[in-house]
Amino acid sequence: MNLKSLKNKSPFKIATNIYVVILSVFVIWMLFFDENSYLTHREFNKEIDELKSWIEYHEKKIKKDKETIQQLQDSLQLERYAREKYLMKKEDEDIYIIEFDTIKKQ
Protein backbone atom coordinates (compact mmCIF):
# COMPACT_ATOMS: atom_id res chain seq x y z
CA MET A 1 0.00 0.00 0.00
CA ASN A 2 1.25 3.39 -0.85
CA LEU A 3 0.35 6.73 0.69
CA LYS A 4 -2.25 7.68 -1.96
CA SER A 5 -4.28 4.54 -1.47
CA LEU A 6 -4.08 5.02 2.31
CA LYS A 7 -5.40 8.60 2.02
CA ASN A 8 -8.45 7.43 0.09
CA LYS A 9 -9.55 4.98 2.81
CA SER A 10 -12.49 6.06 4.98
CA PRO A 11 -10.90 5.61 8.45
CA PHE A 12 -7.89 7.68 7.43
CA LYS A 13 -10.13 10.47 6.10
CA ILE A 14 -12.09 10.54 9.36
CA ALA A 15 -8.95 10.44 11.54
CA THR A 16 -7.30 13.31 9.65
CA ASN A 17 -10.40 15.50 9.56
CA ILE A 18 -9.56 18.78 11.36
CA TYR A 19 -12.80 18.69 13.38
CA VAL A 20 -12.13 15.15 14.61
CA VAL A 21 -8.56 16.06 15.57
CA ILE A 22 -9.66 19.20 17.45
CA LEU A 23 -12.49 17.31 19.17
CA SER A 24 -10.12 14.49 20.18
CA VAL A 25 -7.59 16.92 21.63
CA PHE A 26 -10.39 18.74 23.48
CA VAL A 27 -11.81 15.52 24.95
CA ILE A 28 -8.39 14.30 26.06
CA TRP A 29 -7.65 17.69 27.61
CA MET A 30 -10.97 17.78 29.48
CA LEU A 31 -10.66 14.21 30.73
CA PHE A 32 -7.08 14.29 32.00
CA PHE A 33 -5.39 17.70 32.10
CA ASP A 34 -7.98 20.33 33.00
CA GLU A 35 -8.54 21.34 36.64
CA ASN A 36 -12.14 20.14 36.25
CA SER A 37 -11.05 16.81 34.79
CA TYR A 38 -12.71 13.48 35.28
CA LEU A 39 -9.90 12.35 37.58
CA THR A 40 -10.36 15.39 39.81
CA HIS A 41 -14.11 14.80 39.96
CA ARG A 42 -13.50 11.17 40.95
CA GLU A 43 -11.24 12.29 43.81
CA PHE A 44 -13.81 14.85 44.95
CA ASN A 45 -16.62 12.29 44.85
CA LYS A 46 -14.51 9.90 46.92
CA GLU A 47 -13.84 12.66 49.45
CA ILE A 48 -17.55 13.53 49.55
CA ASP A 49 -18.40 9.89 50.30
CA GLU A 50 -15.84 9.80 53.11
CA LEU A 51 -17.22 13.02 54.58
CA LYS A 52 -20.78 11.70 54.38
CA SER A 53 -19.79 8.57 56.29
CA TRP A 54 -17.93 10.77 58.82
CA ILE A 55 -21.06 12.89 59.29
CA GLU A 56 -23.23 9.78 59.65
CA TYR A 57 -20.88 8.36 62.30
CA HIS A 58 -20.97 11.57 64.31
CA GLU A 59 -24.74 11.90 64.01
CA LYS A 60 -25.08 8.40 65.49
CA LYS A 61 -22.66 9.32 68.24
CA ILE A 62 -24.60 12.52 69.02
CA LYS A 63 -27.84 10.53 69.17
CA LYS A 64 -26.24 8.04 71.58
CA ASP A 65 -24.87 10.85 73.76
CA LYS A 66 -28.28 12.54 73.88
CA GLU A 67 -29.81 9.28 75.07
CA THR A 68 -27.11 9.00 77.74
CA ILE A 69 -27.75 12.57 78.88
CA GLN A 70 -31.47 11.82 79.04
CA GLN A 71 -30.80 8.77 81.21
CA LEU A 72 -28.45 10.72 83.49
CA GLN A 73 -31.24 13.11 84.45
CA ASP A 74 -32.22 10.48 87.02
CA SER A 75 -29.99 10.66 90.13
CA LEU A 76 -29.81 6.85 90.50
CA GLN A 77 -28.64 6.45 86.93
CA LEU A 78 -26.11 9.24 87.43
CA GLU A 79 -24.71 7.49 90.50
CA ARG A 80 -24.54 4.17 88.63
CA TYR A 81 -22.77 5.81 85.67
CA ALA A 82 -20.22 7.49 87.96
CA ARG A 83 -19.51 4.20 89.74
CA GLU A 84 -19.03 2.26 86.50
CA LYS A 85 -17.13 4.74 84.38
CA TYR A 86 -15.10 6.73 86.91
CA LEU A 87 -14.79 4.12 89.70
CA MET A 88 -16.31 6.48 92.24
CA LYS A 89 -17.55 5.15 95.56
CA LYS A 90 -19.29 6.18 98.71
CA GLU A 91 -17.17 6.93 101.76
CA ASP A 92 -17.98 3.74 103.63
CA GLU A 93 -17.58 1.14 100.87
CA ASP A 94 -14.76 -0.69 99.13
CA ILE A 95 -14.42 -1.36 95.40
CA TYR A 96 -12.91 -4.51 93.98
CA ILE A 97 -11.97 -4.44 90.32
CA ILE A 98 -12.08 -7.84 88.65
CA GLU A 99 -10.31 -8.17 85.32
CA PHE A 100 -10.73 -11.17 83.09
CA ASP A 101 -7.74 -12.49 81.19
CA THR A 102 -8.70 -12.79 77.54
CA ILE A 103 -5.50 -14.46 76.37
CA LYS A 104 -5.92 -18.18 75.87
CA LYS A 105 -2.98 -20.37 76.72
CA GLN A 106 -2.36 -23.25 74.36
PDB file of N, CA and C in Angstrom:
ATOM      1  N   MET A   1       0.834  -1.185   0.000  1.00  0.00           N
ATOM      2  CA  MET A   1       0.000   0.000   0.000  1.00  0.00           C
ATOM      3  C   MET A   1       0.874   1.242   0.000  1.00  0.00           C
ATOM      4  N   ASN A   2       0.518   2.139  -0.827  1.00  0.00           N
ATOM      5  CA  ASN A   2       1.251   3.391  -0.849  1.00  0.00           C
ATOM      6  C   ASN A   2       0.426   4.463  -0.151  1.00  0.00           C
ATOM      7  N   LEU A   3       0.979   5.644  -0.056  1.00  0.00           N
ATOM      8  CA  LEU A   3       0.350   6.733   0.687  1.00  0.00           C
ATOM      9  C   LEU A   3      -0.941   7.209   0.046  1.00  0.00           C
ATOM     10  N   LYS A   4      -1.034   7.218  -1.283  1.00  0.00           N
ATOM     11  CA  LYS A   4      -2.253   7.682  -1.965  1.00  0.00           C
ATOM     12  C   LYS A   4      -3.425   6.752  -1.691  1.00  0.00           C
ATOM     13  N   SER A   5      -3.180   5.466  -1.725  1.00  0.00           N
ATOM     14  CA  SER A   5      -4.282   4.536  -1.466  1.00  0.00           C
ATOM     15  C   SER A   5      -4.705   4.596   0.006  1.00  0.00           C
ATOM     16  N   LEU A   6      -3.771   4.887   0.894  1.00  0.00           N
ATOM     17  CA  LEU A   6      -4.083   5.023   2.313  1.00  0.00           C
ATOM     18  C   LEU A   6      -4.924   6.270   2.573  1.00  0.00           C
ATOM     19  N   LYS A   7      -4.644   7.355   1.843  1.00  0.00           N
ATOM     20  CA  LYS A   7      -5.397   8.600   2.016  1.00  0.00           C
ATOM     21  C   LYS A   7      -6.843   8.465   1.554  1.00  0.00           C
ATOM     22  N   ASN A   8      -7.103   7.590   0.633  1.00  0.00           N
ATOM     23  CA  ASN A   8      -8.453   7.434   0.094  1.00  0.00           C
ATOM     24  C   ASN A   8      -9.327   6.538   0.971  1.00  0.00           C
ATOM     25  N   LYS A   9      -8.774   5.858   1.930  1.00  0.00           N
ATOM     26  CA  LYS A   9      -9.555   4.980   2.809  1.00  0.00           C
ATOM     27  C   LYS A   9     -10.378   5.809   3.785  1.00  0.00           C
ATOM     28  N   SER A  10     -11.555   5.329   4.127  1.00  0.00           N
ATOM     29  CA  SER A  10     -12.491   6.059   4.976  1.00  0.00           C
ATOM     30  C   SER A  10     -11.963   6.308   6.398  1.00  0.00           C
ATOM     31  N   PRO A  11     -11.380   5.330   7.093  1.00  0.00           N
ATOM     32  CA  PRO A  11     -10.896   5.615   8.449  1.00  0.00           C
ATOM     33  C   PRO A  11      -9.802   6.674   8.491  1.00  0.00           C
ATOM     34  N   PHE A  12      -8.950   6.680   7.490  1.00  0.00           N
ATOM     35  CA  PHE A  12      -7.891   7.684   7.433  1.00  0.00           C
ATOM     36  C   PHE A  12      -8.465   9.080   7.212  1.00  0.00           C
ATOM     37  N   LYS A  13      -9.489   9.174   6.362  1.00  0.00           N
ATOM     38  CA  LYS A  13     -10.125  10.473   6.104  1.00  0.00           C
ATOM     39  C   LYS A  13     -10.777  11.006   7.388  1.00  0.00           C
ATOM     40  N   ILE A  14     -11.430  10.117   8.114  1.00  0.00           N
ATOM     41  CA  ILE A  14     -12.089  10.545   9.358  1.00  0.00           C
ATOM     42  C   ILE A  14     -11.047  10.944  10.394  1.00  0.00           C
ATOM     43  N   ALA A  15      -9.971  10.171  10.522  1.00  0.00           N
ATOM     44  CA  ALA A  15      -8.949  10.441  11.542  1.00  0.00           C
ATOM     45  C   ALA A  15      -8.184  11.723  11.250  1.00  0.00           C
ATOM     46  N   THR A  16      -8.051  12.097   9.991  1.00  0.00           N
ATOM     47  CA  THR A  16      -7.300  13.314   9.654  1.00  0.00           C
ATOM     48  C   THR A  16      -8.193  14.527   9.459  1.00  0.00           C
ATOM     49  N   ASN A  17      -9.486  14.365   9.648  1.00  0.00           N
ATOM     50  CA  ASN A  17     -10.397  15.497   9.559  1.00  0.00           C
ATOM     51  C   ASN A  17     -10.063  16.477  10.688  1.00  0.00           C
ATOM     52  N   ILE A  18      -9.982  17.764  10.385  1.00  0.00           N
ATOM     53  CA  ILE A  18      -9.564  18.776  11.361  1.00  0.00           C
ATOM     54  C   ILE A  18     -10.521  18.843  12.551  1.00  0.00           C
ATOM     55  N   TYR A  19     -11.809  18.639  12.305  1.00  0.00           N
ATOM     56  CA  TYR A  19     -12.795  18.690  13.381  1.00  0.00           C
ATOM     57  C   TYR A  19     -12.621  17.497  14.336  1.00  0.00           C
ATOM     58  N   VAL A  20     -12.339  16.343  13.782  1.00  0.00           N
ATOM     59  CA  VAL A  20     -12.129  15.150  14.613  1.00  0.00           C
ATOM     60  C   VAL A  20     -10.860  15.318  15.439  1.00  0.00           C
ATOM     61  N   VAL A  21      -9.817  15.849  14.849  1.00  0.00           N
ATOM     62  CA  VAL A  21      -8.560  16.059  15.565  1.00  0.00           C
ATOM     63  C   VAL A  21      -8.760  17.058  16.707  1.00  0.00           C
ATOM     64  N   ILE A  22      -9.422  18.176  16.420  1.00  0.00           N
ATOM     65  CA  ILE A  22      -9.657  19.197  17.455  1.00  0.00           C
ATOM     66  C   ILE A  22     -10.551  18.634  18.556  1.00  0.00           C
ATOM     67  N   LEU A  23     -11.591  17.910  18.180  1.00  0.00           N
ATOM     68  CA  LEU A  23     -12.486  17.309  19.170  1.00  0.00           C
ATOM     69  C   LEU A  23     -11.736  16.285  20.033  1.00  0.00           C
ATOM     70  N   SER A  24     -10.888  15.483  19.426  1.00  0.00           N
ATOM     71  CA  SER A  24     -10.119  14.494  20.177  1.00  0.00           C
ATOM     72  C   SER A  24      -9.180  15.159  21.178  1.00  0.00           C
ATOM     73  N   VAL A  25      -8.490  16.202  20.743  1.00  0.00           N
ATOM     74  CA  VAL A  25      -7.594  16.925  21.635  1.00  0.00           C
ATOM     75  C   VAL A  25      -8.390  17.550  22.788  1.00  0.00           C
ATOM     76  N   PHE A  26      -9.541  18.121  22.458  1.00  0.00           N
ATOM     77  CA  PHE A  26     -10.388  18.740  23.477  1.00  0.00           C
ATOM     78  C   PHE A  26     -10.858  17.711  24.507  1.00  0.00           C
ATOM     79  N   VAL A  27     -11.308  16.559  24.038  1.00  0.00           N
ATOM     80  CA  VAL A  27     -11.807  15.522  24.948  1.00  0.00           C
ATOM     81  C   VAL A  27     -10.677  15.007  25.842  1.00  0.00           C
ATOM     82  N   ILE A  28      -9.534  14.763  25.263  1.00  0.00           N
ATOM     83  CA  ILE A  28      -8.388  14.299  26.057  1.00  0.00           C
ATOM     84  C   ILE A  28      -7.998  15.356  27.083  1.00  0.00           C
ATOM     85  N   TRP A  29      -7.988  16.614  26.682  1.00  0.00           N
ATOM     86  CA  TRP A  29      -7.651  17.693  27.610  1.00  0.00           C
ATOM     87  C   TRP A  29      -8.653  17.754  28.764  1.00  0.00           C
ATOM     88  N   MET A  30      -9.944  17.676  28.448  1.00  0.00           N
ATOM     89  CA  MET A  30     -10.973  17.785  29.483  1.00  0.00           C
ATOM     90  C   MET A  30     -10.971  16.571  30.419  1.00  0.00           C
ATOM     91  N   LEU A  31     -10.635  15.406  29.894  1.00  0.00           N
ATOM     92  CA  LEU A  31     -10.658  14.211  30.735  1.00  0.00           C
ATOM     93  C   LEU A  31      -9.454  14.109  31.660  1.00  0.00           C
ATOM     94  N   PHE A  32      -8.288  14.572  31.235  1.00  0.00           N
ATOM     95  CA  PHE A  32      -7.083  14.292  32.003  1.00  0.00           C
ATOM     96  C   PHE A  32      -6.320  15.512  32.506  1.00  0.00           C
ATOM     97  N   PHE A  33      -6.303  16.611  31.764  1.00  0.00           N
ATOM     98  CA  PHE A  33      -5.390  17.698  32.099  1.00  0.00           C
ATOM     99  C   PHE A  33      -6.048  18.924  32.725  1.00  0.00           C
ATOM    100  N   ASP A  34      -7.306  19.141  32.501  1.00  0.00           N
ATOM    101  CA  ASP A  34      -7.983  20.325  33.004  1.00  0.00           C
ATOM    102  C   ASP A  34      -8.169  20.235  34.519  1.00  0.00           C
ATOM    103  N   GLU A  35      -8.324  21.375  35.191  1.00  0.00           N
ATOM    104  CA  GLU A  35      -8.538  21.341  36.644  1.00  0.00           C
ATOM    105  C   GLU A  35      -9.907  20.786  36.990  1.00  0.00           C
ATOM    106  N   ASN A  36     -10.819  20.749  36.053  1.00  0.00           N
ATOM    107  CA  ASN A  36     -12.137  20.143  36.248  1.00  0.00           C
ATOM    108  C   ASN A  36     -12.206  18.789  35.554  1.00  0.00           C
ATOM    109  N   SER A  37     -11.127  18.070  35.529  1.00  0.00           N
ATOM    110  CA  SER A  37     -11.053  16.815  34.791  1.00  0.00           C
ATOM    111  C   SER A  37     -11.846  15.712  35.484  1.00  0.00           C
ATOM    112  N   TYR A  38     -12.001  14.640  34.748  1.00  0.00           N
ATOM    113  CA  TYR A  38     -12.707  13.478  35.275  1.00  0.00           C
ATOM    114  C   TYR A  38     -11.982  12.914  36.498  1.00  0.00           C
ATOM    115  N   LEU A  39     -10.681  12.884  36.453  1.00  0.00           N
ATOM    116  CA  LEU A  39      -9.903  12.348  37.580  1.00  0.00           C
ATOM    117  C   LEU A  39     -10.102  13.197  38.835  1.00  0.00           C
ATOM    118  N   THR A  40     -10.129  14.505  38.673  1.00  0.00           N
ATOM    119  CA  THR A  40     -10.361  15.394  39.808  1.00  0.00           C
ATOM    120  C   THR A  40     -11.759  15.183  40.380  1.00  0.00           C
ATOM    121  N   HIS A  41     -12.741  15.039  39.500  1.00  0.00           N
ATOM    122  CA  HIS A  41     -14.109  14.796  39.962  1.00  0.00           C
ATOM    123  C   HIS A  41     -14.212  13.469  40.703  1.00  0.00           C
ATOM    124  N   ARG A  42     -13.499  12.452  40.242  1.00  0.00           N
ATOM    125  CA  ARG A  42     -13.500  11.174  40.945  1.00  0.00           C
ATOM    126  C   ARG A  42     -12.930  11.314  42.350  1.00  0.00           C
ATOM    127  N   GLU A  43     -11.834  12.070  42.484  1.00  0.00           N
ATOM    128  CA  GLU A  43     -11.243  12.294  43.808  1.00  0.00           C
ATOM    129  C   GLU A  43     -12.208  13.059  44.714  1.00  0.00           C
ATOM    130  N   PHE A  44     -12.862  14.073  44.155  1.00  0.00           N
ATOM    131  CA  PHE A  44     -13.811  14.853  44.948  1.00  0.00           C
ATOM    132  C   PHE A  44     -15.004  14.003  45.375  1.00  0.00           C
ATOM    133  N   ASN A  45     -15.499  13.161  44.488  1.00  0.00           N
ATOM    134  CA  ASN A  45     -16.619  12.291  44.847  1.00  0.00           C
ATOM    135  C   ASN A  45     -16.222  11.299  45.937  1.00  0.00           C
ATOM    136  N   LYS A  46     -15.003  10.803  45.871  1.00  0.00           N
ATOM    137  CA  LYS A  46     -14.513   9.901  46.922  1.00  0.00           C
ATOM    138  C   LYS A  46     -14.426  10.630  48.259  1.00  0.00           C
ATOM    139  N   GLU A  47     -13.928  11.862  48.220  1.00  0.00           N
ATOM    140  CA  GLU A  47     -13.838  12.657  49.448  1.00  0.00           C
ATOM    141  C   GLU A  47     -15.227  12.977  50.000  1.00  0.00           C
ATOM    142  N   ILE A  48     -16.175  13.258  49.114  1.00  0.00           N
ATOM    143  CA  ILE A  48     -17.547  13.530  49.546  1.00  0.00           C
ATOM    144  C   ILE A  48     -18.132  12.302  50.236  1.00  0.00           C
ATOM    145  N   ASP A  49     -17.902  11.118  49.676  1.00  0.00           N
ATOM    146  CA  ASP A  49     -18.402   9.886  50.298  1.00  0.00           C
ATOM    147  C   ASP A  49     -17.784   9.672  51.677  1.00  0.00           C
ATOM    148  N   GLU A  50     -16.491   9.934  51.802  1.00  0.00           N
ATOM    149  CA  GLU A  50     -15.835   9.798  53.105  1.00  0.00           C
ATOM    150  C   GLU A  50     -16.422  10.786  54.115  1.00  0.00           C
ATOM    151  N   LEU A  51     -16.655  12.010  53.675  1.00  0.00           N
ATOM    152  CA  LEU A  51     -17.217  13.015  54.581  1.00  0.00           C
ATOM    153  C   LEU A  51     -18.651  12.669  54.975  1.00  0.00           C
ATOM    154  N   LYS A  52     -19.409  12.107  54.049  1.00  0.00           N
ATOM    155  CA  LYS A  52     -20.782  11.705  54.384  1.00  0.00           C
ATOM    156  C   LYS A  52     -20.770  10.594  55.432  1.00  0.00           C
ATOM    157  N   SER A  53     -19.858   9.637  55.284  1.00  0.00           N
ATOM    158  CA  SER A  53     -19.786   8.571  56.287  1.00  0.00           C
ATOM    159  C   SER A  53     -19.305   9.127  57.627  1.00  0.00           C
ATOM    160  N   TRP A  54     -18.393  10.110  57.592  1.00  0.00           N
ATOM    161  CA  TRP A  54     -17.927  10.766  58.820  1.00  0.00           C
ATOM    162  C   TRP A  54     -19.084  11.483  59.507  1.00  0.00           C
ATOM    163  N   ILE A  55     -19.900  12.179  58.741  1.00  0.00           N
ATOM    164  CA  ILE A  55     -21.063  12.888  59.293  1.00  0.00           C
ATOM    165  C   ILE A  55     -22.049  11.888  59.882  1.00  0.00           C
ATOM    166  N   GLU A  56     -22.297  10.796  59.170  1.00  0.00           N
ATOM    167  CA  GLU A  56     -23.226   9.779  59.652  1.00  0.00           C
ATOM    168  C   GLU A  56     -22.744   9.176  60.972  1.00  0.00           C
ATOM    169  N   TYR A  57     -21.447   8.903  61.060  1.00  0.00           N
ATOM    170  CA  TYR A  57     -20.876   8.357  62.296  1.00  0.00           C
ATOM    171  C   TYR A  57     -21.097   9.321  63.460  1.00  0.00           C
ATOM    172  N   HIS A  58     -20.830  10.603  63.229  1.00  0.00           N
ATOM    173  CA  HIS A  58     -20.967  11.568  64.312  1.00  0.00           C
ATOM    174  C   HIS A  58     -22.420  11.844  64.665  1.00  0.00           C
ATOM    175  N   GLU A  59     -23.318  11.753  63.696  1.00  0.00           N
ATOM    176  CA  GLU A  59     -24.742  11.904  64.014  1.00  0.00           C
ATOM    177  C   GLU A  59     -25.211  10.757  64.912  1.00  0.00           C
ATOM    178  N   LYS A  60     -24.738   9.537  64.628  1.00  0.00           N
ATOM    179  CA  LYS A  60     -25.082   8.399  65.489  1.00  0.00           C
ATOM    180  C   LYS A  60     -24.513   8.587  66.889  1.00  0.00           C
ATOM    181  N   LYS A  61     -23.285   9.094  66.946  1.00  0.00           N
ATOM    182  CA  LYS A  61     -22.656   9.321  68.243  1.00  0.00           C
ATOM    183  C   LYS A  61     -23.402  10.402  69.029  1.00  0.00           C
ATOM    184  N   ILE A  62     -23.831  11.452  68.362  1.00  0.00           N
ATOM    185  CA  ILE A  62     -24.597  12.516  69.019  1.00  0.00           C
ATOM    186  C   ILE A  62     -25.910  11.957  69.542  1.00  0.00           C
ATOM    187  N   LYS A  63     -26.578  11.119  68.740  1.00  0.00           N
ATOM    188  CA  LYS A  63     -27.840  10.525  69.174  1.00  0.00           C
ATOM    189  C   LYS A  63     -27.622   9.671  70.425  1.00  0.00           C
ATOM    190  N   LYS A  64     -26.549   8.886  70.423  1.00  0.00           N
ATOM    191  CA  LYS A  64     -26.244   8.044  71.578  1.00  0.00           C
ATOM    192  C   LYS A  64     -25.944   8.898  72.812  1.00  0.00           C
ATOM    193  N   ASP A  65     -25.193   9.977  72.635  1.00  0.00           N
ATOM    194  CA  ASP A  65     -24.870  10.852  73.764  1.00  0.00           C
ATOM    195  C   ASP A  65     -26.112  11.556  74.304  1.00  0.00           C
ATOM    196  N   LYS A  66     -27.032  11.920  73.413  1.00  0.00           N
ATOM    197  CA  LYS A  66     -28.280  12.542  73.879  1.00  0.00           C
ATOM    198  C   LYS A  66     -29.091  11.564  74.716  1.00  0.00           C
ATOM    199  N   GLU A  67     -29.112  10.294  74.289  1.00  0.00           N
ATOM    200  CA  GLU A  67     -29.811   9.275  75.071  1.00  0.00           C
ATOM    201  C   GLU A  67     -29.153   9.097  76.439  1.00  0.00           C
ATOM    202  N   THR A  68     -27.828   9.126  76.467  1.00  0.00           N
ATOM    203  CA  THR A  68     -27.108   8.996  77.739  1.00  0.00           C
ATOM    204  C   THR A  68     -27.411  10.185  78.648  1.00  0.00           C
ATOM    205  N   ILE A  69     -27.424  11.366  78.096  1.00  0.00           N
ATOM    206  CA  ILE A  69     -27.750  12.568  78.881  1.00  0.00           C
ATOM    207  C   ILE A  69     -29.167  12.469  79.424  1.00  0.00           C
ATOM    208  N   GLN A  70     -30.081  11.970  78.600  1.00  0.00           N
ATOM    209  CA  GLN A  70     -31.469  11.824  79.036  1.00  0.00           C
ATOM    210  C   GLN A  70     -31.558  10.836  80.199  1.00  0.00           C
ATOM    211  N   GLN A  71     -30.784   9.749  80.129  1.00  0.00           N
ATOM    212  CA  GLN A  71     -30.797   8.769  81.211  1.00  0.00           C
ATOM    213  C   GLN A  71     -30.163   9.331  82.479  1.00  0.00           C
ATOM    214  N   LEU A  72     -29.160  10.190  82.328  1.00  0.00           N
ATOM    215  CA  LEU A  72     -28.454  10.716  83.492  1.00  0.00           C
ATOM    216  C   LEU A  72     -29.231  11.815  84.223  1.00  0.00           C
ATOM    217  N   GLN A  73     -30.395  12.151  83.728  1.00  0.00           N
ATOM    218  CA  GLN A  73     -31.240  13.113  84.448  1.00  0.00           C
ATOM    219  C   GLN A  73     -31.734  12.504  85.762  1.00  0.00           C
ATOM    220  N   ASP A  74     -31.826  11.188  85.807  1.00  0.00           N
ATOM    221  CA  ASP A  74     -32.223  10.480  87.024  1.00  0.00           C
ATOM    222  C   ASP A  74     -30.998  10.346  87.932  1.00  0.00           C
ATOM    223  N   SER A  75     -31.135  10.667  89.210  1.00  0.00           N
ATOM    224  CA  SER A  75     -29.993  10.659  90.127  1.00  0.00           C
ATOM    225  C   SER A  75     -29.444   9.242  90.347  1.00  0.00           C
ATOM    226  N   LEU A  76     -30.288   8.220  90.331  1.00  0.00           N
ATOM    227  CA  LEU A  76     -29.806   6.854  90.498  1.00  0.00           C
ATOM    228  C   LEU A  76     -28.969   6.414  89.290  1.00  0.00           C
ATOM    229  N   GLN A  77     -29.412   6.778  88.135  1.00  0.00           N
ATOM    230  CA  GLN A  77     -28.639   6.447  86.930  1.00  0.00           C
ATOM    231  C   GLN A  77     -27.314   7.198  86.908  1.00  0.00           C
ATOM    232  N   LEU A  78     -27.325   8.442  87.374  1.00  0.00           N
ATOM    233  CA  LEU A  78     -26.107   9.241  87.428  1.00  0.00           C
ATOM    234  C   LEU A  78     -25.099   8.605  88.382  1.00  0.00           C
ATOM    235  N   GLU A  79     -25.588   8.152  89.527  1.00  0.00           N
ATOM    236  CA  GLU A  79     -24.710   7.492  90.497  1.00  0.00           C
ATOM    237  C   GLU A  79     -24.154   6.189  89.919  1.00  0.00           C
ATOM    238  N   ARG A  80     -24.984   5.420  89.250  1.00  0.00           N
ATOM    239  CA  ARG A  80     -24.544   4.166  88.632  1.00  0.00           C
ATOM    240  C   ARG A  80     -23.483   4.436  87.562  1.00  0.00           C
ATOM    241  N   TYR A  81     -23.710   5.446  86.740  1.00  0.00           N
ATOM    242  CA  TYR A  81     -22.767   5.807  85.667  1.00  0.00           C
ATOM    243  C   TYR A  81     -21.422   6.227  86.262  1.00  0.00           C
ATOM    244  N   ALA A  82     -21.465   7.040  87.329  1.00  0.00           N
ATOM    245  CA  ALA A  82     -20.222   7.489  87.958  1.00  0.00           C
ATOM    246  C   ALA A  82     -19.464   6.315  88.565  1.00  0.00           C
ATOM    247  N   ARG A  83     -20.162   5.372  89.145  1.00  0.00           N
ATOM    248  CA  ARG A  83     -19.505   4.203  89.739  1.00  0.00           C
ATOM    249  C   ARG A  83     -18.854   3.339  88.663  1.00  0.00           C
ATOM    250  N   GLU A  84     -19.550   3.146  87.538  1.00  0.00           N
ATOM    251  CA  GLU A  84     -19.025   2.255  86.502  1.00  0.00           C
ATOM    252  C   GLU A  84     -17.895   2.892  85.698  1.00  0.00           C
ATOM    253  N   LYS A  85     -18.088   4.114  85.293  1.00  0.00           N
ATOM    254  CA  LYS A  85     -17.129   4.740  84.378  1.00  0.00           C
ATOM    255  C   LYS A  85     -15.934   5.368  85.095  1.00  0.00           C
ATOM    256  N   TYR A  86     -16.163   5.976  86.233  1.00  0.00           N
ATOM    257  CA  TYR A  86     -15.099   6.726  86.906  1.00  0.00           C
ATOM    258  C   TYR A  86     -14.653   6.093  88.218  1.00  0.00           C
ATOM    259  N   LEU A  87     -15.153   4.884  88.507  1.00  0.00           N
ATOM    260  CA  LEU A  87     -14.795   4.122  89.701  1.00  0.00           C
ATOM    261  C   LEU A  87     -14.960   4.928  90.985  1.00  0.00           C
ATOM    262  N   MET A  88     -16.012   5.703  91.029  1.00  0.00           N
ATOM    263  CA  MET A  88     -16.314   6.477  92.240  1.00  0.00           C
ATOM    264  C   MET A  88     -17.013   5.572  93.248  1.00  0.00           C
ATOM    265  N   LYS A  89     -16.943   5.968  94.518  1.00  0.00           N
ATOM    266  CA  LYS A  89     -17.545   5.154  95.562  1.00  0.00           C
ATOM    267  C   LYS A  89     -18.040   6.052  96.678  1.00  0.00           C
ATOM    268  N   LYS A  90     -18.847   5.471  97.520  1.00  0.00           N
ATOM    269  CA  LYS A  90     -19.286   6.176  98.711  1.00  0.00           C
ATOM    270  C   LYS A  90     -18.180   6.075  99.744  1.00  0.00           C
ATOM    271  N   GLU A  91     -18.251   6.880 100.783  1.00  0.00           N
ATOM    272  CA  GLU A  91     -17.172   6.932 101.761  1.00  0.00           C
ATOM    273  C   GLU A  91     -16.993   5.624 102.533  1.00  0.00           C
ATOM    274  N   ASP A  92     -18.073   4.908 102.759  1.00  0.00           N
ATOM    275  CA  ASP A  92     -17.977   3.737 103.626  1.00  0.00           C
ATOM    276  C   ASP A  92     -17.975   2.410 102.868  1.00  0.00           C
ATOM    277  N   GLU A  93     -17.591   2.399 101.606  1.00  0.00           N
ATOM    278  CA  GLU A  93     -17.580   1.143 100.868  1.00  0.00           C
ATOM    279  C   GLU A  93     -16.253   0.925 100.153  1.00  0.00           C
ATOM    280  N   ASP A  94     -15.975  -0.323  99.832  1.00  0.00           N
ATOM    281  CA  ASP A  94     -14.758  -0.691  99.129  1.00  0.00           C
ATOM    282  C   ASP A  94     -15.119  -1.155  97.716  1.00  0.00           C
ATOM    283  N   ILE A  95     -14.205  -0.936  96.787  1.00  0.00           N
ATOM    284  CA  ILE A  95     -14.419  -1.356  95.397  1.00  0.00           C
ATOM    285  C   ILE A  95     -13.364  -2.391  95.048  1.00  0.00           C
ATOM    286  N   TYR A  96     -13.805  -3.475  94.467  1.00  0.00           N
ATOM    287  CA  TYR A  96     -12.907  -4.510  93.983  1.00  0.00           C
ATOM    288  C   TYR A  96     -13.063  -4.579  92.468  1.00  0.00           C
ATOM    289  N   ILE A  97     -11.953  -4.392  91.768  1.00  0.00           N
ATOM    290  CA  ILE A  97     -11.971  -4.444  90.316  1.00  0.00           C
ATOM    291  C   ILE A  97     -11.526  -5.831  89.885  1.00  0.00           C
ATOM    292  N   ILE A  98     -12.371  -6.490  89.123  1.00  0.00           N
ATOM    293  CA  ILE A  98     -12.083  -7.841  88.650  1.00  0.00           C
ATOM    294  C   ILE A  98     -11.832  -7.752  87.151  1.00  0.00           C
ATOM    295  N   GLU A  99     -10.649  -8.167  86.733  1.00  0.00           N
ATOM    296  CA  GLU A  99     -10.309  -8.174  85.321  1.00  0.00           C
ATOM    297  C   GLU A  99     -10.237  -9.608  84.837  1.00  0.00           C
ATOM    298  N   PHE A 100     -10.750  -9.843  83.671  1.00  0.00           N
ATOM    299  CA  PHE A 100     -10.728 -11.170  83.095  1.00  0.00           C
ATOM    300  C   PHE A 100      -9.598 -11.233  82.076  1.00  0.00           C
ATOM    301  N   ASP A 101      -8.837 -12.312  82.136  1.00  0.00           N
ATOM    302  CA  ASP A 101      -7.743 -12.493  81.194  1.00  0.00           C
ATOM    303  C   ASP A 101      -8.329 -13.066  79.895  1.00  0.00           C
ATOM    304  N   THR A 102      -8.130 -12.352  78.801  1.00  0.00           N
ATOM    305  CA  THR A 102      -8.700 -12.790  77.537  1.00  0.00           C
ATOM    306  C   THR A 102      -7.727 -13.579  76.675  1.00  0.00           C
ATOM    307  N   ILE A 103      -6.492 -13.712  77.140  1.00  0.00           N
ATOM    308  CA  ILE A 103      -5.498 -14.463  76.374  1.00  0.00           C
ATOM    309  C   ILE A 103      -5.630 -15.944  76.706  1.00  0.00           C
ATOM    310  N   LYS A 104      -5.778 -16.749  75.669  1.00  0.00           N
ATOM    311  CA  LYS A 104      -5.923 -18.183  75.874  1.00  0.00           C
ATOM    312  C   LYS A 104      -4.547 -18.823  75.762  1.00  0.00           C
ATOM    313  N   LYS A 105      -4.252 -19.651  76.738  1.00  0.00           N
ATOM    314  CA  LYS A 105      -2.983 -20.369  76.722  1.00  0.00           C
ATOM    315  C   LYS A 105      -3.183 -21.694  75.981  1.00  0.00           C
ATOM    316  N   GLN A 106      -2.233 -22.016  75.134  1.00  0.00           N
ATOM    317  CA  GLN A 106      -2.361 -23.246  74.359  1.00  0.00           C
ATOM    318  C   GLN A 106      -1.406 -24.301  74.827  1.00  0.00           C
TER     319      GLN A 106
END
